[in-house]
Every structure is written in C-alpha cells, then in structure tokens.
Amino acid sequence: MEWMNEAPGGLDVRIKAVPRAAKNEIQGVHDGALKIRLTTPPVDGKANQALIKFLSKTLNISKAQIELAQGETSRHKTVRISGLTKQQLIERIGV
C-alpha cells in the first residue's frame, strides 16, 4: 500500500491532516495518504499533538509509540508507528 510502508522500528504512514473539522475522524485513503480530520486548529503544534492523541486512542496504543517523522508544519505528514503490523493497523482503522 502506497500510504503505508514498513520502516526500521515500525510503520511509516503518510497522512493528510485536515484541521478545523467538525469532528475528529479518519476519512479513508485519498491521493496516497490516510486522510484524517481534526477539530484542532494548526496553531503552535496543537494539531500535531491532537493527531498523535487521536491515533493513539484509535489504534489503542500509547502516544510514545507514535512519532511525527515528517511534516511538522505541513498538512502532509509522515508518522512512524511502532509495535503494530500492517494488518493490525488496517484492522484498527477500518480502511
């Protein structure tokens, strides 16, 4: 899958973050990235923190297992998730 790759220490997942949404939700895969809508505005890194918190809750893993690898100030991000296989990730997000 083009939006998810195995990497040293976990999975790299490409994400398109959409801030200021009505609710936090995963909208599926669009244009080679997992589209995630977040209610938080992109101010002072709050949207990145909200993204990590949302993924942690959705995937039922600790926030320490999620690292923002690329895209700190961009809507297009790459997060590295440790401790999950590709299959587990797909099952937990329902894509």
C-alpha atoms as a PDB file:
ATOM      1  CA  MET A   1       0.000   0.000   0.000  1.00  0.00           C
ATOM      2  CA  GLU A   2       1.423   3.300  -1.068  1.00  0.00           C
ATOM      3  CA  TRP A   3       0.298   5.197   2.054  1.00  0.00           C
ATOM      4  CA  MET A   4       1.948   2.754   4.468  1.00  0.00           C
ATOM      5  CA  ASN A   5       5.467   1.282   4.397  1.00  0.00           C
ATOM      6  CA  GLU A   6       7.479  -0.856   6.751  1.00  0.00           C
ATOM      7  CA  ALA A   7      10.454   1.059   8.140  1.00  0.00           C
ATOM      8  CA  PRO A   8      13.170   0.376  10.707  1.00  0.00           C
ATOM      9  CA  GLY A   9      11.396   0.444  14.056  1.00  0.00           C
ATOM     10  CA  GLY A  10       7.820   0.361  12.780  1.00  0.00           C
ATOM     11  CA  LEU A  11       5.474   1.530  10.056  1.00  0.00           C
ATOM     12  CA  ASP A  12       5.671   4.836   8.209  1.00  0.00           C
ATOM     13  CA  VAL A  13       2.178   6.113   7.467  1.00  0.00           C
ATOM     14  CA  ARG A  14       1.534   9.066   5.153  1.00  0.00           C
ATOM     15  CA  ILE A  15      -1.227  11.304   6.457  1.00  0.00           C
ATOM     16  CA  LYS A  16      -3.107  14.282   5.094  1.00  0.00           C
ATOM     17  CA  ALA A  17      -4.300  16.228   8.114  1.00  0.00           C
ATOM     18  CA  VAL A  18      -7.357  18.461   7.762  1.00  0.00           C
ATOM     19  CA  PRO A  19      -7.537  20.872  10.715  1.00  0.00           C
ATOM     20  CA  ARG A  20     -10.603  22.779  11.933  1.00  0.00           C
ATOM     21  CA  ALA A  21     -13.002  19.967  11.051  1.00  0.00           C
ATOM     22  CA  ALA A  22     -16.369  19.411  12.691  1.00  0.00           C
ATOM     23  CA  LYS A  23     -15.144  16.218  14.370  1.00  0.00           C
ATOM     24  CA  ASN A  24     -12.065  14.012  14.637  1.00  0.00           C
ATOM     25  CA  GLU A  25     -12.316  11.183  12.137  1.00  0.00           C
ATOM     26  CA  ILE A  26     -10.474   9.041   9.616  1.00  0.00           C
ATOM     27  CA  GLN A  27     -11.919   9.598   6.149  1.00  0.00           C
ATOM     28  CA  GLY A  28     -10.043   6.818   4.396  1.00  0.00           C
ATOM     29  CA  VAL A  29      -7.233   6.803   1.866  1.00  0.00           C
ATOM     30  CA  HIS A  30      -7.141   9.701  -0.614  1.00  0.00           C
ATOM     31  CA  ASP A  31      -4.316  10.551  -3.046  1.00  0.00           C
ATOM     32  CA  GLY A  32      -1.819   8.165  -1.459  1.00  0.00           C
ATOM     33  CA  ALA A  33      -2.355   9.281   2.131  1.00  0.00           C
ATOM     34  CA  LEU A  34      -4.617   8.461   5.056  1.00  0.00           C
ATOM     35  CA  LYS A  35      -6.932  11.467   5.385  1.00  0.00           C
ATOM     36  CA  ILE A  36      -7.612  12.440   8.986  1.00  0.00           C
ATOM     37  CA  ARG A  37      -9.876  15.316  10.006  1.00  0.00           C
ATOM     38  CA  LEU A  38      -9.086  17.062  13.301  1.00  0.00           C
ATOM     39  CA  THR A  39     -11.088  19.677  15.199  1.00  0.00           C
ATOM     40  CA  THR A  40      -7.922  21.420  16.415  1.00  0.00           C
ATOM     41  CA  PRO A  41      -6.563  24.454  14.521  1.00  0.00           C
ATOM     42  CA  PRO A  42      -2.960  24.292  13.257  1.00  0.00           C
ATOM     43  CA  VAL A  43      -1.556  26.704  15.851  1.00  0.00           C
ATOM     44  CA  ASP A  44       1.641  26.165  17.871  1.00  0.00           C
ATOM     45  CA  GLY A  45       1.777  22.448  17.061  1.00  0.00           C
ATOM     46  CA  LYS A  46      -1.610  21.760  18.664  1.00  0.00           C
ATOM     47  CA  ALA A  47      -2.901  19.935  15.574  1.00  0.00           C
ATOM     48  CA  ASN A  48       0.149  17.636  15.633  1.00  0.00           C
ATOM     49  CA  GLN A  49      -0.482  16.867  19.303  1.00  0.00           C
ATOM     50  CA  ALA A  50      -4.153  16.233  18.543  1.00  0.00           C
ATOM     51  CA  LEU A  51      -3.197  13.932  15.653  1.00  0.00           C
ATOM     52  CA  ILE A  52      -0.931  11.830  17.877  1.00  0.00           C
ATOM     53  CA  LYS A  53      -3.567  11.693  20.631  1.00  0.00           C
ATOM     54  CA  PHE A  54      -6.292  10.718  18.127  1.00  0.00           C
ATOM     55  CA  LEU A  55      -4.134   7.989  16.543  1.00  0.00           C
ATOM     56  CA  SER A  56      -3.162   6.680  19.972  1.00  0.00           C
ATOM     57  CA  LYS A  57      -6.804   6.375  21.004  1.00  0.00           C
ATOM     58  CA  THR A  58      -7.962   4.955  17.651  1.00  0.00           C
ATOM     59  CA  LEU A  59      -5.163   2.366  17.427  1.00  0.00           C
ATOM     60  CA  ASN A  60      -5.277   1.543  21.149  1.00  0.00           C
ATOM     61  CA  ILE A  61      -1.545   2.150  21.625  1.00  0.00           C
ATOM     62  CA  SER A  62       0.443   4.587  23.746  1.00  0.00           C
ATOM     63  CA  LYS A  63       1.355   8.039  22.434  1.00  0.00           C
ATOM     64  CA  ALA A  64       5.027   7.073  22.867  1.00  0.00           C
ATOM     65  CA  GLN A  65       4.616   4.558  20.018  1.00  0.00           C
ATOM     66  CA  ILE A  66       3.744   7.356  17.575  1.00  0.00           C
ATOM     67  CA  GLU A  67       6.370   9.752  16.275  1.00  0.00           C
ATOM     68  CA  LEU A  68       5.966  12.585  13.791  1.00  0.00           C
ATOM     69  CA  ALA A  69       8.706  11.782  11.269  1.00  0.00           C
ATOM     70  CA  GLN A  70       7.991  14.484   8.653  1.00  0.00           C
ATOM     71  CA  GLY A  71       5.692  17.413   8.002  1.00  0.00           C
ATOM     72  CA  GLU A  72       5.610  19.273  11.288  1.00  0.00           C
ATOM     73  CA  THR A  73       4.244  22.425   9.625  1.00  0.00           C
ATOM     74  CA  SER A  74       2.560  20.796   6.638  1.00  0.00           C
ATOM     75  CA  ARG A  75      -0.805  19.129   6.144  1.00  0.00           C
ATOM     76  CA  HIS A  76       1.066  16.247   4.524  1.00  0.00           C
ATOM     77  CA  LYS A  77       2.774  14.308   7.294  1.00  0.00           C
ATOM     78  CA  THR A  78       4.540  11.029   7.894  1.00  0.00           C
ATOM     79  CA  VAL A  79       4.147   9.339  11.264  1.00  0.00           C
ATOM     80  CA  ARG A  80       6.161   6.358  12.427  1.00  0.00           C
ATOM     81  CA  ILE A  81       4.139   3.867  14.440  1.00  0.00           C
ATOM     82  CA  SER A  82       5.973   1.195  16.386  1.00  0.00           C
ATOM     83  CA  GLY A  83       4.575  -2.037  17.752  1.00  0.00           C
ATOM     84  CA  LEU A  84       1.965  -2.679  15.035  1.00  0.00           C
ATOM     85  CA  THR A  85       1.965  -4.770  11.884  1.00  0.00           C
ATOM     86  CA  LYS A  86       0.387  -3.558   8.637  1.00  0.00           C
ATOM     87  CA  GLN A  87      -2.532  -5.934   9.154  1.00  0.00           C
ATOM     88  CA  GLN A  88      -3.166  -4.724  12.712  1.00  0.00           C
ATOM     89  CA  LEU A  89      -3.126  -1.115  11.550  1.00  0.00           C
ATOM     90  CA  ILE A  90      -5.632  -1.788   8.764  1.00  0.00           C
ATOM     91  CA  GLU A  91      -7.941  -3.701  11.122  1.00  0.00           C
ATOM     92  CA  ARG A  92      -7.876  -0.958  13.774  1.00  0.00           C
ATOM     93  CA  ILE A  93      -8.548   1.965  11.454  1.00  0.00           C
ATOM     94  CA  GLY A  94     -11.071   0.083   9.336  1.00  0.00           C
ATOM     95  CA  VAL A  95      -9.752   1.050   5.902  1.00  0.00           C
END
